[in-house]
Protein backbone atom coordinates (compact mmCIF):
# COMPACT_ATOMS: atom_id res chain seq x y z
CA MET A 1 79.25 93.06 138.00
CA ASN A 2 77.55 95.19 135.34
CA ILE A 3 76.61 92.60 132.71
CA TRP A 4 77.11 95.10 129.89
CA SER A 5 80.74 95.53 130.87
CA ILE A 6 81.38 91.90 129.88
CA THR A 7 80.69 92.83 126.24
CA SER A 8 83.78 95.04 126.48
CA LEU A 9 86.00 92.81 128.61
CA ILE A 10 85.82 89.74 126.35
CA PRO A 11 86.91 91.59 123.16
CA GLY A 12 89.74 93.25 125.10
CA LEU A 13 91.13 89.87 126.14
CA ILE A 14 90.75 88.48 122.62
CA HIS A 15 92.56 91.42 121.02
CA LEU A 16 95.34 91.35 123.59
CA PHE A 17 95.88 87.65 122.92
CA LEU A 18 95.76 88.22 119.17
CA ALA A 19 98.37 90.99 119.36
CA GLY A 20 100.76 88.83 121.38
CA TYR A 21 100.17 85.75 119.25
CA VAL A 22 100.81 87.47 115.93
CA PHE A 23 103.83 89.46 117.13
CA GLY A 24 105.37 86.44 118.85
CA LYS A 25 105.17 84.30 115.72
CA ASN A 26 106.02 86.95 113.13
CA TYR A 27 107.89 89.76 114.90
CA ARG A 28 110.32 90.26 111.99
CA LYS A 29 107.50 91.09 109.60
CA ARG A 30 106.42 94.72 109.33
CA SER A 31 102.78 93.95 108.64
CA ALA A 32 102.64 91.74 111.75
CA MET A 33 104.09 94.50 113.92
CA ILE A 34 101.57 97.07 112.68
CA PHE A 35 98.75 94.57 112.95
CA SER A 36 99.73 93.87 116.58
CA LEU A 37 99.63 97.60 117.35
CA PHE A 38 96.18 97.76 115.77
CA ALA A 39 94.99 94.87 117.93
CA ILE A 40 96.44 96.62 121.01
CA SER A 41 94.51 99.79 120.13
CA LEU A 42 91.33 97.71 120.02
CA ALA A 43 92.26 96.14 123.37
CA ILE A 44 92.82 99.60 124.96
CA TRP A 45 89.46 100.77 123.67
CA SER A 46 87.73 97.63 124.97
CA PHE A 47 89.36 97.66 128.43
CA SER A 48 88.67 101.37 128.89
CA GLU A 49 85.01 100.81 128.05
CA PHE A 50 84.93 98.00 130.57
CA GLY A 51 86.45 100.38 133.14
CA HIS A 52 84.04 103.27 132.69
CA ARG A 53 81.01 101.00 132.63
CA MET A 54 82.15 99.50 135.93
CA ALA A 55 83.08 102.89 137.46
CA ASP A 56 81.25 104.12 140.58
CA THR A 57 81.91 107.83 140.04
CA LYS A 58 82.11 110.29 137.17
CA ALA A 59 85.74 111.06 137.99
CA VAL A 60 86.82 107.43 137.66
CA ALA A 61 84.73 106.97 134.52
CA SER A 62 86.31 110.09 133.01
CA ILE A 63 89.83 108.73 133.57
CA TRP A 64 88.93 105.47 131.86
CA MET A 65 87.42 107.34 128.91
CA LYS A 66 90.56 109.42 128.43
CA ILE A 67 92.64 106.24 128.38
CA GLY A 68 90.28 104.76 125.80
CA GLY A 69 90.83 107.72 123.48
CA ILE A 70 94.31 106.39 122.73
CA GLY A 71 92.67 103.26 121.34
CA TRP A 72 89.74 104.53 119.28
CA CYS A 73 91.52 107.64 117.97
CA PHE A 74 94.48 105.71 116.51
CA MET A 75 92.61 102.50 115.65
CA PRO A 76 91.50 103.54 112.10
CA SER A 77 94.98 104.82 111.22
CA LEU A 78 96.69 101.64 112.39
CA CYS A 79 94.17 99.56 110.45
CA PHE A 80 94.79 101.64 107.32
CA HIS A 81 98.57 101.38 107.78
CA PHE A 82 98.33 97.60 108.11
CA VAL A 83 96.29 97.31 104.90
CA MET A 84 98.73 99.59 103.05
CA VAL A 85 101.60 97.29 104.00
CA PHE A 86 99.57 94.17 103.26
CA THR A 87 98.70 95.46 99.77
CA GLN A 88 102.27 96.82 99.31
CA LYS A 89 101.00 100.35 98.58
CA HIS A 90 103.56 101.85 100.98
CA LYS A 91 106.64 100.89 98.95
CA ASN A 92 106.52 103.64 96.33
CA SER A 93 105.60 106.54 98.61
CA ASN A 94 107.51 108.91 100.88
CA LYS A 95 107.71 107.44 104.39
CA ILE A 96 107.65 110.80 106.22
CA ILE A 97 104.60 112.00 104.29
CA ASN A 98 102.97 108.61 104.88
CA TYR A 99 103.46 108.75 108.63
CA LEU A 100 102.30 112.37 108.89
CA GLY A 101 99.24 111.71 106.76
CA ILE A 102 98.31 108.58 108.69
CA TYR A 103 99.08 109.56 112.28
CA LEU A 104 98.82 113.37 112.54
CA PRO A 105 94.98 113.47 112.18
CA PRO A 106 94.34 111.00 115.05
CA ALA A 107 96.87 112.88 117.21
CA ILE A 108 94.92 116.11 116.64
CA ILE A 109 91.60 114.38 117.30
CA PHE A 110 92.99 112.84 120.50
CA TYR A 111 94.18 116.29 121.65
CA LEU A 112 90.75 117.79 120.97
CA PHE A 113 89.10 114.91 122.81
CA LEU A 114 91.25 115.50 125.91
CA THR A 115 91.03 119.29 126.01
CA THR A 116 87.66 120.28 124.54
CA ASN A 117 84.02 119.22 124.26
CA PHE A 118 84.24 119.16 120.46
CA ILE A 119 84.47 115.38 119.97
CA TYR A 120 82.86 114.11 123.18
CA ILE A 121 81.56 115.99 126.20
CA LYS A 122 84.16 115.81 128.98
CA GLU A 123 81.68 114.88 131.71
CA PRO A 124 80.34 111.30 131.32
CA VAL A 125 76.71 110.46 132.01
CA LYS A 126 75.26 107.45 133.82
CA LYS A 127 73.02 105.11 131.81
CA TYR A 128 71.52 101.75 132.66
CA PHE A 129 74.58 100.06 131.10
CA GLY A 130 77.09 102.22 133.04
CA TYR A 131 78.86 105.53 132.45
CA THR A 132 79.21 106.59 128.84
CA ALA A 133 80.31 109.62 126.82
CA VAL A 134 77.97 112.05 125.09
CA PRO A 135 78.91 112.94 121.50
CA GLY A 136 80.11 116.52 121.10
CA LYS A 137 79.12 119.11 118.58
CA TYR A 138 81.93 118.15 116.19
CA VAL A 139 81.97 114.38 116.58
CA TRP A 140 81.39 114.31 112.83
CA ILE A 141 85.09 115.23 112.41
CA TYR A 142 86.11 111.89 113.85
CA ALA A 143 83.30 110.07 112.04
CA GLY A 144 84.33 111.65 108.74
CA TYR A 145 87.99 110.89 109.33
CA TYR A 146 87.50 107.20 109.96
CA THR A 147 84.90 106.92 107.19
CA ILE A 148 87.46 108.17 104.67
CA LEU A 149 90.12 105.78 105.97
CA TYR A 150 87.81 102.77 105.94
CA LEU A 151 86.63 103.57 102.41
CA LEU A 152 90.30 103.61 101.37
CA ILE A 153 90.81 100.30 103.20
CA PHE A 154 87.89 98.74 101.33
CA TYR A 155 89.21 100.11 98.04
CA LEU A 156 92.69 98.63 98.59
CA LEU A 157 91.31 95.24 99.61
CA ILE A 158 88.84 95.13 96.71
CA GLU A 159 91.65 96.07 94.32
CA VAL A 160 93.73 93.13 95.58
CA ILE A 161 90.78 90.75 95.21
CA HIS A 162 90.08 92.02 91.70
CA LYS A 163 93.65 92.12 90.37
CA GLU A 164 95.53 89.43 92.29
CA ALA A 165 95.25 85.65 92.10
CA GLY A 166 96.12 82.81 94.44
CA ILE A 167 97.01 83.31 98.08
CA LYS A 168 96.97 87.13 98.18
CA LYS A 169 93.41 87.22 96.91
CA LYS A 170 92.29 84.59 99.40
CA GLN A 171 93.98 86.41 102.27
CA ALA A 172 92.17 89.66 101.43
CA LYS A 173 88.63 88.26 101.16
CA PRO A 174 88.00 87.36 104.84
CA ILE A 175 89.66 90.59 105.99
CA LEU A 176 87.36 92.61 103.73
CA VAL A 177 84.21 90.79 104.86
CA GLY A 178 85.09 90.82 108.56
CA SER A 179 86.16 94.46 108.66
CA GLY A 180 83.11 95.50 106.64
CA ILE A 181 80.65 93.85 109.02
CA TYR A 182 82.51 95.17 112.05
CA ILE A 183 82.68 98.78 110.79
CA LEU A 184 79.01 98.80 109.78
CA LEU A 185 77.72 97.47 113.09
CA SER A 186 80.05 99.55 115.28
CA THR A 187 79.16 102.74 113.39
CA ILE A 188 75.45 102.06 113.91
CA THR A 189 75.72 101.40 117.66
CA ASN A 190 78.47 103.90 118.54
CA ILE A 191 77.69 106.87 116.27
CA ILE A 192 74.36 106.73 114.44
CA LEU A 193 72.05 105.54 117.23
CA PRO A 194 73.50 107.82 119.97
CA GLU A 195 73.25 110.77 117.58
CA SER A 196 69.61 109.79 116.99
CA SER A 197 68.95 109.72 120.77
CA ILE A 198 68.27 105.98 120.72
CA LEU A 199 69.43 104.59 124.05
CA ILE A 200 71.31 101.32 123.61
CA PRO A 201 74.80 100.30 124.78
CA GLU A 202 77.66 101.03 122.40
CA LEU A 203 78.62 97.61 121.04
CA GLY A 204 81.48 98.52 118.72
CA THR A 205 84.05 96.81 120.92
CA PHE A 206 81.93 93.66 121.05
CA PHE A 207 81.46 93.53 117.28
CA SER A 208 85.22 93.87 116.81
CA ILE A 209 85.33 90.15 117.67
CA ILE A 210 83.97 89.55 114.15
CA TRP A 211 86.97 91.33 112.74
CA ALA A 212 89.34 89.30 114.96
CA ILE A 213 87.77 86.03 113.79
CA SER A 214 88.18 87.03 110.13
CA VAL A 215 91.89 87.75 110.63
CA PHE A 216 92.42 84.49 112.50
CA TYR A 217 90.76 82.66 109.63
CA SER A 218 93.00 84.37 107.08
CA MET A 219 96.08 83.62 109.20
CA HIS A 220 95.48 79.93 109.67
CA GLN A 221 93.75 79.06 106.41
CA TYR A 222 95.80 81.18 104.04
CA GLN A 223 99.07 81.89 105.90
CA LEU A 224 98.40 85.62 106.19
CA PHE A 225 101.68 86.69 107.70
CA GLU A 226 104.11 84.08 106.43
CA ILE A 227 104.64 80.42 105.71
CA GLU A 228 105.30 78.54 108.93
CA PRO A 229 108.43 76.35 108.82
CA SER A 230 108.01 72.69 109.74
CA MET A 231 110.75 70.08 109.69
CA GLU A 232 110.49 66.48 108.53
CA ASN A 233 111.23 63.66 110.94
CA HIS A 234 114.97 63.02 110.95
CA ILE A 235 116.16 59.70 109.54
CA LYS A 236 119.39 57.96 110.60
CA THR A 237 120.55 56.78 107.20
CA PRO A 238 123.67 58.53 105.83
CA GLN A 239 123.11 61.69 103.82
CA LYS A 240 123.57 61.03 100.11
CA TYR A 241 123.95 64.60 98.84
CA GLU A 242 126.24 66.98 100.73
CA LEU A 243 125.47 70.49 99.51
CA GLU A 244 127.78 73.45 99.89
CA GLN A 245 126.27 76.21 102.05
CA GLY A 246 125.00 79.16 100.04
CA GLN A 247 125.30 77.34 96.70
CA ALA A 248 122.59 77.11 94.05
CA TYR A 249 122.22 73.89 92.07
CA TYR A 250 120.31 72.83 89.01
CA VAL A 251 119.31 69.42 87.74
CA ILE A 252 118.96 69.16 83.97
CA GLU A 253 115.39 68.08 83.24
CA ASP A 254 115.21 65.41 85.94
CA GLU A 255 112.38 66.09 88.36
CA GLU A 256 112.81 62.76 90.17
CA LYS A 257 116.42 63.51 91.02
CA LEU A 258 115.55 67.06 92.06
CA TYR A 259 113.08 65.82 94.67
CA GLU A 260 115.43 63.04 95.74
CA ILE A 261 118.05 65.68 96.59
CA PHE A 262 115.48 67.89 98.32
CA TYR A 263 114.13 64.98 100.36
CA ASP A 264 117.68 64.05 101.36
CA GLN A 265 118.18 67.57 102.77
CA VAL A 266 114.91 67.93 104.68
CA VAL A 267 115.15 64.52 106.40
CA HIS A 268 118.69 65.33 107.54
CA GLY A 269 117.93 68.52 109.45
CA SER A 270 117.30 71.25 106.86
CA HIS A 271 114.27 73.49 106.78
CA GLY A 272 112.72 73.14 103.34
CA LEU A 273 110.34 75.18 101.20
CA CYS A 274 108.97 73.62 98.02
CA MET A 275 107.57 75.86 95.27
CA THR A 276 105.90 73.81 92.58
CA LYS A 277 103.41 73.82 89.75
CA TYR A 278 101.77 70.72 91.23
CA SER A 279 99.30 70.39 94.09
CA SER A 280 100.70 69.82 97.57
CA GLY A 281 98.81 66.52 97.78
CA ARG A 282 100.55 65.16 94.71
CA ILE A 283 104.01 66.17 95.95
CA ARG A 284 103.46 64.73 99.42
CA ASN A 285 102.15 61.41 98.12
CA LYS A 286 104.72 60.97 95.37
CA TYR A 287 107.87 62.08 97.21
CA ASN A 288 107.01 61.21 100.83
CA ILE A 289 107.20 64.82 102.02
CA SER A 290 104.82 65.09 104.97
CA LYS A 291 105.60 68.27 106.93
CA THR A 292 107.68 70.56 104.74
CA PRO A 293 105.62 73.56 103.52
CA ILE A 294 104.62 73.39 99.87
CA LEU A 295 103.57 76.45 97.87
CA GLN A 296 101.75 75.82 94.60
CA LEU A 297 102.22 78.49 91.93
CA THR A 298 98.92 78.51 90.10
CA TYR A 299 96.09 80.79 88.96
CA ARG A 300 93.54 78.37 90.38
CA ASP A 301 91.65 79.67 93.41
CA ASP A 302 90.78 76.38 95.12
CA SER A 303 93.90 75.74 97.20
CA PRO A 304 94.84 77.45 100.49
CA ASN A 305 98.58 77.08 99.76
CA ALA A 306 98.72 78.82 96.40
CA ALA A 307 100.32 81.94 94.94
CA SER A 308 100.08 83.50 91.53
CA PRO A 309 103.10 82.78 89.27
CA ALA A 310 102.72 86.38 88.05
CA ASP A 311 103.29 87.77 91.55
CA THR A 312 107.10 87.72 91.50
CA ASN A 313 107.33 90.26 94.34
CA GLY A 314 105.05 88.13 96.49
CA ILE A 315 107.00 84.94 95.69
CA PHE A 316 110.30 86.54 96.66
CA SER A 317 108.77 88.04 99.79
CA MET A 318 107.57 84.62 100.97
CA VAL A 319 111.00 83.06 100.31
CA SER A 320 112.73 85.94 102.11
CA GLU A 321 110.45 85.73 105.14
CA PHE A 322 110.84 81.96 105.30
CA ILE A 323 114.65 82.18 105.27
CA ASN A 324 114.62 85.02 107.81
CA LYS A 325 112.61 82.85 110.15
CA THR A 326 114.66 79.67 109.70
CA GLY A 327 118.11 81.26 109.46
CA LYS A 328 118.91 79.17 106.39
CA ALA A 329 116.90 76.76 104.31
CA CYS A 330 116.75 74.54 101.25
CA ILE A 331 114.51 76.09 98.60
CA LEU A 332 113.17 73.92 95.77
CA LEU A 333 111.80 75.53 92.63
CA ASP A 334 110.44 73.15 90.01
CA CYS A 335 108.35 75.67 88.08
CA TYR A 336 110.92 78.15 86.78
CA HIS A 337 109.91 77.56 83.17
CA GLU A 338 106.29 78.41 84.02
CA ILE A 339 107.41 81.62 85.79
CA GLN A 340 109.32 82.60 82.64
CA ILE A 341 106.34 81.91 80.40
CA VAL A 342 104.02 84.04 82.57
CA ASN A 343 106.39 86.93 83.26
CA GLY A 344 108.83 86.83 80.36
CA PRO A 345 112.50 85.73 80.40
CA LYS A 346 113.86 88.97 81.89
CA LYS A 347 111.47 89.16 84.83
CA GLY A 348 111.80 85.42 85.45
CA GLU A 349 115.59 85.67 85.53
CA ASP A 350 115.43 88.71 87.82
CA LEU A 351 113.39 86.71 90.34
CA LEU A 352 115.77 83.77 90.16
CA ILE A 353 118.81 86.03 90.64
CA LYS A 354 117.22 87.64 93.72
CA ILE A 355 116.45 84.25 95.27
CA GLU A 356 119.91 82.90 94.41
CA ASP A 357 121.57 85.99 95.89
CA LEU A 358 119.50 85.70 99.08
CA CYS A 359 120.42 82.02 99.44
CA SER A 360 124.09 82.83 98.89
CA LYS A 361 124.09 85.50 101.62
CA THR A 362 122.26 83.33 104.17
CA GLY A 363 124.02 80.02 103.58
CA SER A 364 120.85 78.52 102.10
CA ASN A 365 120.57 76.25 99.08
CA LEU A 366 118.47 76.69 95.96
CA LEU A 367 117.50 73.66 93.86
CA ILE A 368 115.89 73.95 90.43
CA THR A 369 115.27 71.73 87.46
CA VAL A 370 115.50 73.39 84.10
CA ASP A 371 116.43 73.09 80.45
CA ALA A 372 119.91 74.65 80.40
CA SER A 373 119.25 76.08 76.94
CA ILE A 374 116.83 78.67 78.36
CA PHE A 375 119.40 79.95 80.89
CA ASP A 376 121.43 83.07 80.32
CA SER A 377 125.13 82.08 80.28
CA ASP A 378 126.03 84.54 83.07
CA LEU A 379 123.23 83.24 85.25
CA LEU A 380 124.22 79.65 84.52
CA ALA A 381 127.69 80.33 85.90
CA GLU A 382 126.21 81.00 89.35
CA PHE A 383 124.76 77.48 89.54
CA GLN A 384 126.35 74.06 89.88
CA ILE A 385 125.11 71.00 88.04
CA ILE A 386 124.25 68.12 90.31
């Protein structure tokens, strides 16, 4: 076996696994679907490179290269689309214009690659590391296209890191670093050096492993795609608090009772999500909650399970994704007053109404502790005192 082909095979297997793993765990989430397609594009590129380096004839190598064009032509657009969804920049723009702007250029480049010598010369050449393509006269079109997209990707990620706090910021940092290193190294080995007539194997597919590792780190350390449900061990004692499905409850300024009710639900078969102003360690030690996911709403940047209390859209998105994955759940919110202070009464109430409405529609329960005097009377009517 051509030893250089291994540098393409290994990344292909990694990206294929990554695509399946992310989609299998988070298939309802749009960002996960687009991310999986991006990983598949990297896998196609890697496997095609493995194929043409192993090929015995120009004809076979040419077929493999044409297959690979699907991967490397659409790879930058899929990456850009993923980052747009991740940073929520897609929400206020026209979808049709978005899709045309993102995917029409790579479609044109792919067509030119298949039918002309503009991007790469059709006939591959044999090097010591196997068959490879020779850059065409207008390869700069592709280089310029992906340079613009990657600069936009860096801008969006840097903007998130600069403006956001908590979990969103921490998710973006490893993606920015990993993609930056990967793009720099792959551009040097796949574009700059071949254009300078320096004969070394293209290693862009191999360096894409760096990018994969950075995404894995963000997924597992900072819950990139969504909070993973985990149920407490069931206990056989009778349930003390029977809650009506889809009903929201509030406890008047009694945190101990709030967590007693929540604990009673999660140890009797309910999926729970705790959103708190306290650290997860404190909650787990004080209230004997060992497995249930805990999200701390804080501006501090030293906890992997944290979100900014100012990010009301992000908070609702995490609750929505959690309920979509579990079917129904018990949501505890013991930091509503802090959310109101940060965002103002109107925005705080809007968030609470959205969460309460979602719980009502899905048969989930919402538990909060609050001073009733800060509640709007209409909002208060939607809750039951417990």
